[in-house]
Protein backbone atom coordinates (compact mmCIF):
# COMPACT_ATOMS: atom_id res chain seq x y z
CA MET A 1 94.76 103.10 98.59
CA CYS A 2 92.04 100.72 97.51
CA GLY A 3 89.13 101.96 95.46
CA ILE A 4 85.37 101.60 95.83
CA ILE A 5 82.67 102.14 93.21
CA GLY A 6 78.96 101.44 93.35
CA TYR A 7 75.90 102.02 91.16
CA ILE A 8 72.13 101.69 91.38
CA GLY A 9 69.71 102.80 88.66
CA ASP A 10 68.22 101.51 85.43
CA LYS A 11 71.43 101.04 83.45
CA PRO A 12 73.63 97.92 83.41
CA ALA A 13 75.85 98.26 86.46
CA LEU A 14 78.89 96.33 85.24
CA PRO A 15 80.25 98.81 82.63
CA ILE A 16 79.90 101.63 85.15
CA LEU A 17 81.71 99.64 87.82
CA ILE A 18 84.62 98.79 85.52
CA ASP A 19 84.87 102.36 84.23
CA GLY A 20 84.87 103.70 87.78
CA LEU A 21 87.56 101.27 88.89
CA LYS A 22 89.74 102.35 85.97
CA LYS A 23 89.45 105.94 87.15
CA LEU A 24 90.65 104.78 90.59
CA GLU A 25 93.65 102.78 89.41
CA TYR A 26 95.97 105.59 90.48
CA ARG A 27 95.24 104.73 94.13
CA GLY A 28 97.36 101.57 93.86
CA TYR A 29 96.00 98.01 93.98
CA ASP A 30 96.90 94.35 93.54
CA SER A 31 93.51 92.79 92.80
CA ALA A 32 90.00 93.77 91.72
CA GLY A 33 86.45 92.47 91.90
CA VAL A 34 82.78 93.25 91.33
CA ALA A 35 79.44 92.08 92.69
CA VAL A 36 76.26 92.61 90.65
CA HIS A 37 72.69 91.98 91.82
CA ASN A 38 70.53 90.63 88.96
CA GLY A 39 67.25 90.98 90.86
CA LYS A 40 67.34 87.42 92.17
CA GLN A 41 70.86 86.84 93.41
CA ILE A 42 74.31 88.39 93.74
CA ASN A 43 76.96 87.30 91.25
CA ILE A 44 80.62 87.95 92.05
CA ASN A 45 83.80 87.86 90.02
CA LYS A 46 87.23 88.87 91.26
CA ALA A 47 90.86 88.35 90.34
CA LYS A 48 94.39 88.99 91.49
CA GLY A 49 96.29 91.44 89.29
CA ARG A 50 95.36 94.39 87.14
CA LEU A 51 91.87 95.29 86.02
CA THR A 52 92.62 93.79 82.63
CA VAL A 53 92.74 90.36 84.29
CA LEU A 54 89.27 90.90 85.76
CA GLU A 55 87.94 92.25 82.46
CA GLU A 56 89.14 89.15 80.63
CA ARG A 57 87.58 86.92 83.26
CA ILE A 58 84.14 88.57 83.11
CA LYS A 59 83.90 88.59 79.30
CA HIS A 60 81.82 85.43 79.26
CA SER A 61 80.22 85.64 82.73
CA GLN A 62 76.61 86.51 83.47
CA LEU A 63 76.96 89.68 85.54
CA ASN A 64 73.70 91.32 84.56
CA GLY A 65 71.89 93.75 86.81
CA THR A 66 71.42 97.40 87.66
CA LEU A 67 72.84 97.29 91.20
CA GLY A 68 76.48 96.58 91.89
CA ILE A 69 79.63 97.34 93.83
CA GLY A 70 83.28 97.10 92.78
CA HIS A 71 86.67 97.27 94.45
CA THR A 72 90.40 97.50 93.81
CA ARG A 73 92.37 96.09 96.75
CA TRP A 74 95.78 97.01 98.15
CA ALA A 75 96.71 94.11 100.41
CA THR A 76 96.96 94.67 104.16
CA HIS A 77 95.58 91.41 105.63
CA GLY A 78 96.39 88.37 103.52
CA GLU A 79 98.48 88.17 100.38
CA PRO A 80 97.16 89.33 97.01
CA SER A 81 95.02 86.46 95.66
CA ASP A 82 91.68 85.73 94.04
CA ILE A 83 90.27 84.57 97.39
CA ASN A 84 91.45 87.61 99.34
CA SER A 85 90.12 90.02 96.71
CA HIS A 86 86.93 91.97 97.40
CA PRO A 87 83.94 91.72 97.42
CA HIS A 88 83.59 89.36 100.39
CA THR A 89 80.38 87.61 101.37
CA ASN A 90 78.70 85.76 104.19
CA GLN A 91 78.56 81.95 103.95
CA LEU A 92 75.38 81.86 101.88
CA GLY A 93 76.66 84.51 99.47
CA ASP A 94 73.56 86.66 99.90
CA ILE A 95 75.39 89.61 101.50
CA ALA A 96 78.37 91.17 99.69
CA VAL A 97 80.76 93.78 101.11
CA VAL A 98 83.60 95.94 99.80
CA HIS A 99 85.81 97.76 102.30
CA ASN A 100 88.64 100.29 102.43
CA GLY A 101 90.55 100.62 105.69
CA ILE A 102 91.55 98.25 108.48
CA ILE A 103 89.42 96.44 111.09
CA GLU A 104 91.82 96.56 114.03
CA ASN A 105 89.92 94.08 116.24
CA TYR A 106 89.19 91.60 113.46
CA MET A 107 91.02 88.70 115.15
CA ARG A 108 88.86 88.99 118.25
CA LEU A 109 85.73 89.26 116.11
CA LYS A 110 86.81 86.33 113.95
CA SER A 111 87.30 84.12 117.02
CA TRP A 112 83.85 85.07 118.28
CA LEU A 113 82.24 84.36 114.92
CA GLN A 114 83.98 81.00 114.65
CA ARG A 115 82.58 80.05 118.05
CA GLU A 116 79.16 81.00 116.64
CA GLY A 117 79.71 78.52 113.80
CA TYR A 118 80.81 80.89 111.01
CA GLU A 119 83.43 79.63 108.57
CA PHE A 120 86.00 81.82 106.84
CA THR A 121 87.47 81.40 103.37
CA SER A 122 89.91 84.35 103.20
CA ASP A 123 92.73 85.80 105.29
CA THR A 124 91.24 89.29 105.26
CA ASP A 125 89.88 91.46 108.02
CA THR A 126 86.97 92.47 105.75
CA GLU A 127 85.31 89.05 105.75
CA VAL A 128 84.33 89.49 109.40
CA VAL A 129 82.16 92.46 108.35
CA ALA A 130 80.06 90.31 106.01
CA HIS A 131 79.55 87.69 108.72
CA ILE A 132 78.65 90.21 111.43
CA ILE A 133 76.10 91.87 109.14
CA ASN A 134 74.66 88.40 108.56
CA TYR A 135 74.59 87.81 112.34
CA TYR A 136 72.57 90.97 112.97
CA TYR A 137 70.38 90.86 109.84
CA ASN A 138 66.67 90.44 110.55
CA GLY A 139 65.22 92.06 107.43
CA ASP A 140 66.58 95.59 108.02
CA LEU A 141 69.92 95.99 106.22
CA VAL A 142 70.59 99.49 107.58
CA GLU A 143 70.09 98.35 111.15
CA ALA A 144 72.32 95.31 110.59
CA VAL A 145 75.11 97.55 109.27
CA ARG A 146 74.63 100.00 112.13
CA ASN A 147 74.91 97.22 114.72
CA THR A 148 77.98 95.89 112.93
CA LEU A 149 79.71 99.27 113.12
CA ASP A 150 79.21 99.23 116.89
CA ARG A 151 81.31 96.07 117.04
CA ILE A 152 84.21 96.95 114.79
CA GLU A 153 87.21 99.13 115.61
CA GLY A 154 89.45 100.81 113.07
CA SER A 155 88.89 102.58 109.77
CA TYR A 156 86.39 101.80 107.07
CA ALA A 157 84.57 102.89 103.98
CA LEU A 158 81.96 100.19 103.41
CA ALA A 159 79.46 99.37 100.69
CA VAL A 160 77.01 96.53 101.24
CA ILE A 161 74.43 94.86 99.01
CA ALA A 162 72.10 91.99 99.92
CA LYS A 163 70.08 89.42 97.97
CA ASN A 164 66.87 90.44 99.74
CA HIS A 165 67.35 94.11 98.82
CA PRO A 166 67.69 94.49 95.03
CA GLU A 167 66.49 98.07 95.34
CA CYS A 168 69.31 99.58 97.46
CA MET A 169 72.81 99.49 98.87
CA VAL A 170 74.05 100.62 102.29
CA VAL A 171 77.29 102.52 102.78
CA ALA A 172 79.20 103.88 105.78
CA ARG A 173 82.53 105.49 106.56
CA LYS A 174 85.02 106.23 109.31
CA ASP A 175 88.50 107.59 108.56
CA SER A 176 88.35 106.45 104.92
CA PRO A 177 86.80 108.67 102.24
CA LEU A 178 83.46 107.91 100.57
CA VAL A 179 81.57 110.14 98.15
CA ILE A 180 77.95 109.77 97.04
CA GLY A 181 77.21 110.84 93.47
CA LEU A 182 73.69 112.11 92.77
CA GLY A 183 71.99 111.42 89.43
CA GLU A 184 68.51 111.40 87.89
CA GLY A 185 66.93 108.01 88.58
CA GLU A 186 70.37 106.68 89.53
CA ASN A 187 72.96 107.20 92.23
CA PHE A 188 76.61 106.32 92.68
CA ILE A 189 79.22 105.86 95.35
CA ALA A 190 83.00 106.04 95.08
CA SER A 191 86.10 106.48 97.19
CA ASP A 192 87.15 109.48 95.08
CA ILE A 193 85.51 112.01 92.77
CA PRO A 194 87.24 111.12 89.45
CA ALA A 195 85.29 107.84 89.34
CA LEU A 196 82.03 109.81 89.24
CA LEU A 197 82.72 112.76 86.96
CA ARG A 198 81.62 111.00 83.79
CA TYR A 199 78.15 110.58 85.32
CA THR A 200 77.53 113.45 87.75
CA ARG A 201 79.04 116.56 89.29
CA LYS A 202 76.68 116.65 92.28
CA VAL A 203 77.97 114.84 95.33
CA TYR A 204 77.52 114.35 99.05
CA PHE A 205 80.59 113.86 101.25
CA LEU A 206 79.87 111.24 103.87
CA GLU A 207 81.26 112.13 107.30
CA ASP A 208 82.70 109.80 109.93
CA LYS A 209 80.23 107.31 111.43
CA GLU A 210 77.48 108.26 108.99
CA ILE A 211 75.44 105.57 107.22
CA ALA A 212 73.60 106.08 103.94
CA LEU A 213 70.84 104.08 102.27
CA ILE A 214 71.32 104.53 98.52
CA CYS A 215 68.36 103.82 96.23
CA LYS A 216 67.99 104.82 92.60
CA ASP A 217 65.51 107.58 93.44
CA GLY A 218 66.99 108.91 96.65
CA VAL A 219 69.60 108.92 99.39
CA ASN A 220 68.87 108.82 103.12
CA ILE A 221 71.69 109.49 105.59
CA ILE A 222 71.75 108.86 109.34
CA ASN A 223 74.40 109.26 112.03
CA GLN A 224 75.58 106.57 114.46
CA TYR A 225 72.58 107.26 116.69
CA GLY A 226 70.06 106.70 113.92
CA GLU A 227 69.24 110.39 113.56
CA GLU A 228 68.59 111.76 110.07
CA VAL A 229 71.37 113.92 108.60
CA LYS A 230 70.74 116.66 106.06
CA LYS A 231 73.50 117.30 103.55
CA GLU A 232 74.51 120.20 101.32
CA VAL A 233 75.05 119.18 97.69
CA PHE A 234 78.62 119.88 96.58
CA GLU A 235 79.06 120.83 92.93
CA VAL A 236 82.35 119.62 91.41
CA THR A 237 83.75 122.40 89.23
CA TRP A 238 86.91 120.88 87.74
CA ASP A 239 86.68 119.14 84.40
CA VAL A 240 86.96 115.40 83.87
CA GLU A 241 89.45 116.15 81.11
CA ALA A 242 91.87 117.30 83.80
CA ALA A 243 92.07 113.69 84.95
CA GLU A 244 93.02 112.37 81.50
CA LYS A 245 96.55 112.06 80.08
CA GLY A 246 96.06 114.68 77.36
CA GLY A 247 98.53 113.12 74.93
CA TYR A 248 101.35 112.53 77.43
CA GLN A 249 102.79 109.05 77.83
CA HIS A 250 102.15 109.05 81.58
CA PHE A 251 100.11 111.04 84.08
CA MET A 252 103.31 111.84 85.96
CA LEU A 253 104.86 113.56 82.95
CA LYS A 254 101.62 115.44 82.28
CA GLU A 255 101.45 116.61 85.88
CA ILE A 256 105.07 117.80 85.88
CA HIS A 257 104.27 119.85 82.76
CA GLU A 258 101.21 121.28 84.54
CA GLU A 259 103.38 122.74 87.31
CA PRO A 260 103.62 126.25 85.81
CA LYS A 261 99.82 126.42 85.67
CA ALA A 262 99.50 124.92 89.17
CA LEU A 263 101.86 127.57 90.55
CA ARG A 264 99.96 130.32 88.73
CA ASP A 265 96.57 129.08 89.98
CA THR A 266 97.80 128.78 93.57
CA LEU A 267 99.23 132.31 93.45
CA THR A 268 96.45 134.12 91.61
CA SER A 269 93.97 134.65 94.43
CA ARG A 270 96.67 135.04 97.10
CA ILE A 271 98.49 138.17 95.86
CA ARG A 272 96.55 141.39 95.40
CA GLU A 273 98.04 144.80 94.68
CA GLY A 274 101.49 143.57 95.63
CA ARG A 275 100.48 142.06 98.97
CA ILE A 276 99.73 138.56 100.17
CA GLU A 277 96.07 137.91 100.95
CA LEU A 278 95.51 134.90 103.19
CA SER A 279 92.06 135.52 104.58
CA ASP A 280 91.62 131.74 104.17
CA ILE A 281 93.53 131.24 107.42
CA GLY A 282 92.98 134.57 109.16
CA ILE A 283 95.97 134.48 111.53
CA THR A 284 96.50 137.86 113.23
CA ARG A 285 99.65 139.50 114.60
CA GLU A 286 98.23 139.14 118.11
CA GLN A 287 97.86 135.40 117.66
CA LEU A 288 101.37 135.08 116.20
CA GLU A 289 102.90 136.95 119.14
CA LYS A 290 101.58 134.23 121.46
CA VAL A 291 102.97 131.37 119.41
CA GLY A 292 105.84 129.55 121.10
CA LYS A 293 106.36 127.03 118.33
CA ILE A 294 105.01 126.05 114.93
CA LEU A 295 104.73 122.36 114.03
CA ILE A 296 104.50 121.05 110.47
CA VAL A 297 103.10 117.50 110.41
CA ALA A 298 102.80 115.33 107.31
CA CYS A 299 103.85 112.08 105.63
CA GLY A 300 106.04 111.24 102.63
CA THR A 301 106.35 113.95 100.01
CA ALA A 302 104.18 116.33 102.05
CA TYR A 303 106.60 115.89 104.96
CA HIS A 304 109.47 116.81 102.66
CA ALA A 305 107.61 120.00 101.78
CA GLY A 306 107.42 120.55 105.53
CA ILE A 307 111.21 120.31 105.86
CA VAL A 308 111.56 123.17 103.37
CA GLY A 309 108.81 124.99 105.25
CA LYS A 310 110.77 124.68 108.49
CA TYR A 311 113.83 126.35 106.92
CA VAL A 312 111.78 129.15 105.36
CA ILE A 313 109.49 129.96 108.30
CA GLU A 314 112.33 129.98 110.82
CA LYS A 315 114.43 132.18 108.52
CA LEU A 316 111.68 134.71 107.82
CA VAL A 317 109.40 134.62 110.87
CA ARG A 318 111.98 133.74 113.57
CA ILE A 319 109.62 131.37 115.36
CA PRO A 320 110.92 127.84 116.13
CA VAL A 321 109.50 125.20 113.77
CA ASP A 322 109.49 121.41 114.07
CA ALA A 323 108.81 119.29 110.97
CA GLU A 324 107.29 116.01 112.12
CA ILE A 325 106.47 112.69 110.47
CA ALA A 326 102.78 112.17 111.20
CA SER A 327 103.05 108.40 111.67
CA GLU A 328 105.57 108.93 114.50
CA PHE A 329 104.24 112.17 115.93
CA ARG A 330 101.30 111.02 118.03
CA TYR A 331 103.06 107.99 119.47
CA ARG A 332 105.78 109.96 121.24
CA ASP A 333 103.44 111.94 123.50
CA PRO A 334 104.27 115.28 121.83
CA ILE A 335 104.20 118.54 123.76
CA ILE A 336 101.36 120.58 122.26
CA ASN A 337 99.34 123.44 123.70
CA GLU A 338 97.13 126.35 122.78
CA ASN A 339 100.19 128.47 121.96
CA ASN A 340 101.13 126.25 119.03
CA ILE A 341 100.17 126.59 115.38
CA VAL A 342 100.13 123.23 113.63
CA ILE A 343 100.37 123.11 109.84
CA ILE A 344 99.03 119.79 108.56
CA ILE A 345 99.87 118.90 104.94
CA SER A 346 98.22 116.20 102.79
CA GLN A 347 97.61 116.17 99.04
CA SER A 348 94.48 114.02 99.36
CA GLY A 349 93.34 115.31 102.73
CA GLU A 350 92.61 111.70 103.65
CA THR A 351 96.01 110.37 104.84
CA ALA A 352 95.17 108.30 107.92
CA ASP A 353 98.27 109.10 110.01
CA THR A 354 98.02 112.80 109.17
CA LEU A 355 94.35 112.97 110.14
CA ALA A 356 95.07 111.22 113.44
CA ALA A 357 97.86 113.71 114.18
CA MET A 358 95.56 116.63 113.38
CA ARG A 359 92.89 115.34 115.75
CA LEU A 360 95.43 114.97 118.55
CA CYS A 361 96.61 118.55 118.04
CA LYS A 362 93.05 119.85 118.13
CA GLU A 363 92.39 117.94 121.36
CA LYS A 364 95.40 119.69 122.90
CA GLY A 365 94.05 123.09 121.92
CA ALA A 366 96.45 123.97 119.10
CA LYS A 367 95.27 125.99 116.11
CA VAL A 368 95.37 123.75 113.03
CA ILE A 369 95.97 125.04 109.48
CA ALA A 370 95.52 122.47 106.71
CA ILE A 371 97.30 122.58 103.35
CA THR A 372 95.52 120.23 100.95
CA ASN A 373 94.62 119.87 97.30
CA VAL A 374 91.16 118.35 97.74
CA VAL A 375 88.16 120.53 98.48
CA GLY A 376 85.75 118.76 100.81
CA SER A 377 88.35 116.26 102.06
CA THR A 378 88.30 115.17 105.69
CA LEU A 379 91.37 117.28 106.48
CA ALA A 380 89.76 120.36 104.93
CA ARG A 381 86.54 119.85 106.87
CA GLU A 382 88.09 119.21 110.27
CA ALA A 383 90.95 121.74 110.36
CA ASP A 384 90.44 125.19 111.85
CA HIS A 385 91.61 126.86 108.65
CA VAL A 386 92.41 125.62 105.14
CA LEU A 387 94.89 126.81 102.54
CA TYR A 388 94.10 125.02 99.29
CA THR A 389 96.74 124.17 96.73
CA TRP A 390 95.06 124.71 93.38
CA ALA A 391 97.09 122.00 91.69
CA GLY A 392 94.12 120.28 90.05
CA PRO A 393 93.66 116.50 90.06
CA GLU A 394 96.86 114.56 90.61
CA ILE A 395 96.54 111.00 89.32
CA ALA A 396 100.08 109.58 89.28
CA VAL A 397 101.03 107.91 92.56
CA ALA A 398 104.30 109.88 92.75
CA SER A 399 103.34 113.41 93.78
CA THR A 400 104.81 116.27 91.74
CA LYS A 401 102.59 119.32 91.21
CA ALA A 402 100.99 118.83 94.62
CA TYR A 403 104.44 119.04 96.25
CA ILE A 404 105.43 122.18 94.39
CA THR A 405 102.19 123.96 95.30
CA GLN A 406 102.53 122.84 98.93
CA LEU A 407 105.91 124.57 98.92
CA LEU A 408 104.33 127.70 97.47
CA CYS A 409 101.64 127.75 100.17
CA LEU A 410 104.31 127.45 102.87
CA TYR A 411 106.24 130.37 101.32
CA LEU A 412 103.08 132.47 101.18
CA MET A 413 102.34 131.69 104.80
CA ALA A 414 105.92 132.42 105.90
CA LEU A 415 105.96 135.79 104.11
CA ASP A 416 102.57 136.74 105.49
CA PHE A 417 103.58 135.83 109.05
CA ALA A 418 106.91 137.63 108.71
CA ASP A 419 105.17 140.77 107.47
CA LYS A 420 102.62 140.74 110.28
CA MET A 421 105.37 140.25 112.87
CA GLY A 422 107.53 143.02 111.37
CA ARG A 423 110.36 140.54 110.82
CA ILE A 424 110.95 141.42 107.15
CA SER A 425 111.65 144.78 105.52
CA GLN A 426 109.08 146.06 103.08
CA GLU A 427 111.76 146.09 100.38
CA GLU A 428 112.54 142.38 100.82
CA TYR A 429 108.81 141.59 101.15
CA ARG A 430 108.14 143.35 97.85
CA GLN A 431 111.12 141.71 96.17
CA MET A 432 110.10 138.21 97.23
CA ILE A 433 106.55 138.72 96.01
CA GLU A 434 107.82 139.94 92.65
CA GLU A 435 110.09 136.91 92.34
CA MET A 436 107.28 134.63 93.43
CA GLN A 437 105.05 135.92 90.66
CA LYS A 438 107.76 135.01 88.11
CA LEU A 439 107.87 131.38 89.24
CA PRO A 440 105.34 129.99 86.71
CA GLU A 441 107.34 131.45 83.82
CA LEU A 442 110.65 130.24 85.29
CA ALA A 443 109.22 126.77 85.88
CA GLN A 444 108.33 126.61 82.19
CA LYS A 445 111.93 127.47 81.30
CA VAL A 446 113.13 124.51 83.36
CA LEU A 447 110.71 122.24 81.49
CA ASP A 448 111.89 123.61 78.15
CA ASN A 449 115.42 122.45 79.02
CA LYS A 450 114.46 118.84 79.72
CA GLN A 451 116.73 117.30 77.04
CA ILE A 452 119.81 117.55 79.27
CA ILE A 453 117.84 115.93 82.10
CA GLN A 454 116.83 113.03 79.88
CA LYS A 455 120.45 112.63 78.81
CA CYS A 456 121.52 112.39 82.46
CA ALA A 457 118.90 109.70 83.02
CA ASP A 458 120.04 107.71 80.00
CA GLU A 459 123.60 107.73 81.34
CA THR A 460 122.73 106.52 84.85
CA PHE A 461 119.58 104.37 84.75
CA ASN A 462 121.56 101.14 85.19
CA ALA A 463 123.06 102.24 88.51
CA ASN A 464 122.50 100.15 91.63
CA SER A 465 122.57 103.18 93.94
CA ILE A 466 122.25 106.91 93.38
CA PHE A 467 123.05 109.47 96.05
CA TYR A 468 121.78 113.04 96.47
CA ILE A 469 123.71 115.70 98.38
CA GLY A 470 123.10 119.32 99.28
CA ARG A 471 123.30 121.86 102.07
CA GLY A 472 120.58 123.95 103.69
CA LEU A 473 117.54 124.25 101.43
CA ASP A 474 119.37 122.16 98.83
CA TYR A 475 119.48 119.25 101.27
CA ALA A 476 115.78 119.69 102.09
CA VAL A 477 114.95 119.29 98.39
CA ALA A 478 117.47 116.47 97.91
CA VAL A 479 115.40 114.33 100.27
CA GLU A 480 112.37 114.69 97.99
CA GLY A 481 114.42 114.10 94.85
CA SER A 482 115.75 110.86 96.30
CA LEU A 483 112.27 109.70 97.26
CA LYS A 484 110.95 110.33 93.76
CA LEU A 485 113.70 108.20 92.26
CA LYS A 486 113.24 105.22 94.56
CA GLU A 487 109.42 105.43 94.32
CA ILE A 488 109.20 104.94 90.59
CA SER A 489 112.52 103.45 89.44
CA TYR A 490 113.18 101.05 92.37
CA ILE A 491 116.83 102.14 92.46
CA HIS A 492 118.31 102.39 95.94
CA SER A 493 118.74 106.07 96.67
CA GLU A 494 119.65 108.17 99.69
CA ALA A 495 119.93 111.89 100.35
CA TYR A 496 122.61 113.28 102.64
CA ALA A 497 123.53 116.67 104.01
CA ALA A 498 126.72 117.21 102.03
CA GLY A 499 128.72 118.14 105.12
CA GLU A 500 127.98 114.69 106.56
CA LEU A 501 129.75 112.82 103.75
CA LYS A 502 133.02 112.56 105.65
CA HIS A 503 131.24 111.07 108.66
CA GLY A 504 130.73 107.74 106.97
CA THR A 505 128.70 108.03 103.80
CA ILE A 506 131.64 108.69 101.54
CA ALA A 507 132.66 105.05 102.08
CA LEU A 508 129.78 104.12 99.74
CA ILE A 509 131.14 106.14 96.83
CA GLU A 510 133.09 104.14 94.26
CA ASP A 511 134.02 104.46 90.62
CA GLY A 512 130.96 105.33 88.54
CA THR A 513 128.53 105.90 91.44
CA PRO A 514 126.03 108.58 90.36
CA VAL A 515 125.76 111.53 92.75
CA VAL A 516 123.18 114.27 92.20
CA ALA A 517 124.61 117.40 93.82
CA LEU A 518 122.37 120.38 94.46
CA ALA A 519 124.25 123.67 94.57
CA THR A 520 121.80 126.57 94.35
CA GLN A 521 122.38 128.29 97.70
CA LYS A 522 124.73 131.26 97.28
CA ASN A 523 126.04 131.30 100.84
CA LEU A 524 126.84 127.59 100.71
CA PHE A 525 128.00 127.26 97.12
CA GLU A 526 131.74 127.08 97.84
CA LYS A 527 131.25 124.55 100.62
CA THR A 528 129.05 122.39 98.40
CA LEU A 529 131.68 122.63 95.68
CA SER A 530 134.23 121.21 98.14
CA ASN A 531 131.89 118.28 98.87
CA ILE A 532 131.47 117.68 95.15
CA LYS A 533 135.26 117.48 94.81
CA GLU A 534 135.33 114.88 97.61
CA VAL A 535 132.98 112.49 95.82
CA LYS A 536 134.50 113.22 92.41
CA ALA A 537 137.92 112.25 93.78
CA ARG A 538 136.43 108.84 94.68
CA GLY A 539 135.20 108.25 91.13
CA ALA A 540 131.61 109.51 91.37
CA PHE A 541 129.66 110.48 88.26
CA VAL A 542 128.35 113.86 89.40
CA ILE A 543 125.19 115.52 88.06
CA ALA A 544 124.89 119.03 89.47
CA VAL A 545 121.83 121.25 89.70
CA ALA A 546 122.91 124.88 89.85
CA VAL A 547 121.70 128.38 89.09
CA GLU A 548 122.54 129.90 85.71
CA GLY A 549 125.67 132.01 85.99
CA HIS A 550 127.69 129.57 88.12
CA ALA A 551 129.62 128.20 85.15
CA GLU A 552 132.64 127.34 87.33
CA ILE A 553 130.81 124.25 88.54
CA GLU A 554 131.18 122.72 85.07
CA MET A 555 134.89 122.15 85.78
CA GLU A 556 134.09 119.91 88.75
CA VAL A 557 131.18 117.73 87.56
CA ASN A 558 130.17 115.46 84.69
CA ARG A 559 126.84 117.13 83.87
CA VAL A 560 125.12 120.35 84.93
CA ILE A 561 121.39 121.08 84.92
CA TYR A 562 120.77 124.82 85.30
CA ILE A 563 117.73 126.52 86.76
CA PRO A 564 116.93 130.21 86.05
CA PRO A 565 118.03 132.80 88.64
CA THR A 566 115.46 133.56 91.34
CA HIS A 567 115.44 134.71 94.96
CA ASN A 568 117.78 132.39 96.85
CA MET A 569 115.04 131.17 99.19
CA LEU A 570 112.66 130.38 96.32
CA ALA A 571 115.13 128.12 94.54
CA PRO A 572 113.59 124.86 95.90
CA ILE A 573 110.43 125.42 93.83
CA LEU A 574 112.44 125.44 90.60
CA MET A 575 115.11 123.00 91.74
CA VAL A 576 112.74 120.10 92.36
CA ILE A 577 111.46 120.09 88.77
CA PRO A 578 114.69 118.66 87.27
CA LEU A 579 114.74 116.06 90.05
CA GLN A 580 111.19 114.98 89.22
CA LEU A 581 112.00 114.76 85.51
CA TYR A 582 115.23 112.87 86.22
CA ALA A 583 113.35 110.28 88.29
CA TYR A 584 110.72 110.01 85.56
CA TYR A 585 113.20 109.46 82.72
CA VAL A 586 115.23 106.95 84.75
CA ALA A 587 112.06 104.95 85.46
CA VAL A 588 111.00 105.05 81.81
CA ALA A 589 114.47 103.89 80.70
CA LYS A 590 114.16 100.95 83.11
CA GLY A 591 110.71 100.05 81.78
CA CYS A 592 108.92 100.67 85.09
CA ASP A 593 105.20 101.33 85.51
CA VAL A 594 105.65 105.03 86.25
CA ASP A 595 102.10 105.96 87.24
CA LYS A 596 101.46 102.87 89.36
CA PRO A 597 104.71 101.86 91.07
CA ARG A 598 104.70 98.54 92.88
CA ASN A 599 103.47 98.34 96.48
CA LEU A 600 102.51 102.03 96.57
CA ALA A 601 99.17 103.83 96.71
CA LYS A 602 98.18 107.43 96.01
CA SER A 603 96.12 107.99 99.12
CA VAL A 604 97.32 106.09 102.19
CA THR A 605 94.15 105.67 104.21
CA VAL A 606 95.48 103.03 106.60
CA GLU A 607 98.28 103.24 109.18
């Protein structure tokens, strides 16, 4: 959430700032602003609302200069407004700051600054940073920022410019991502790589508590103790075109259609000569034999992937697995030790709660395996081992191809562990690998049948509530399907284990209530069919997702969406695709902003 962009060089800064902010719109925001140094003073313009509002406002303003910083804000402290938008300044307006994250002790700092005579104009936590930098500034901007960081608690990615320093900007980070882009006679900063790809592919990843002085001809980085830090240049290999819509109406639709390729890319390097190759994580049989429990820790959609992972790993490996919500995990004093494997999942690798949970697990001695989509992310750098999902850039706020590749990584890990532990026959191991390799082709078949899914959406988009039911793995996927719908369509939606209907939930079913029933699990099909009959008898409009060949379900439901036959345990990977498309088409029918749903952000970098 929130986006930062900065530029210093010989070119006009403003067009680069606006272009960069547009590339960061997927992160979610409610206001935007820029500050440009014209060589004599800092000029600022900011506005509540979309970037188009800011663009209209700056059409006739004098924001000339070759040094500037920009920001898209997702409100945490203070309502969305022009005043609360970034950048923020000190009282004289000669120091400007943009900030991602949360200053947890800002109220204490604000009271101190007010006693020192400082006046505040906004309700934000960020404004204290500008005033503290001013308090410590004595001609050395780097030192003023460094002293400021000693006073603040919480998370931050900061970019600072000052009237007296038209030749540089100062940046710093802790628990919020910040990337430095390296050019010829120019340099850039951003909170995410897509904002930089039009200008450079060479980047530095700033680590926690590092500070960088960015000038047009060079970058100098120090740690919190003032010691110089040498960095390896990271070369970005994926193409900027991958972050464009490519003719699709929305990024979300494009990314759903990229799922066959994402599955293929994630599989390609992991299966060799009929066997799974996971040297990325290097877990041995000896290590597995000592494991008392596996924990899967994540937030949101990644957590839902973890629920599926729990079912699959326990079934195949026969080791107990707990799937945990990261934001709750570390506050309940969890029991963790060196005999635990912890699988941490995050698309961005920058989710604040997930990172905090990972660090707690490492402190307790557990072995941490990260599943993430972003090379060089904080999660990837700090985990003991990393399993990358090769999903490519995911721009839409609602995660789709990242989720499906997270599932695939969990299946690969489960099969590999089961094989090493001798818990699976070689025949079943071979069969599952063969079926896994068919998944990209089968996923494409699901996409080719999207007309029936769109029809289902057209028939139900006016509903006030939509319920999802399923058993076993079907229920695990139902939870994600329900989340997708509420994320982008704003329709109230809940997922229930189908066997729980009679324990209260069925009271909510009335004539015309849409119910999406997942019925792909062979051993639970008849039981799920009985639950479908229960809601149908109360007047529900039932949309079923079933495996081709189960035509008898057509007699009990209003609509059926079929997925191709696959190994029973692999069904979730195919089953979620119709649910993603259904949510998408419902949201489109309602006229919602699919890629940027209200109040949500792509990368949640605050608690």
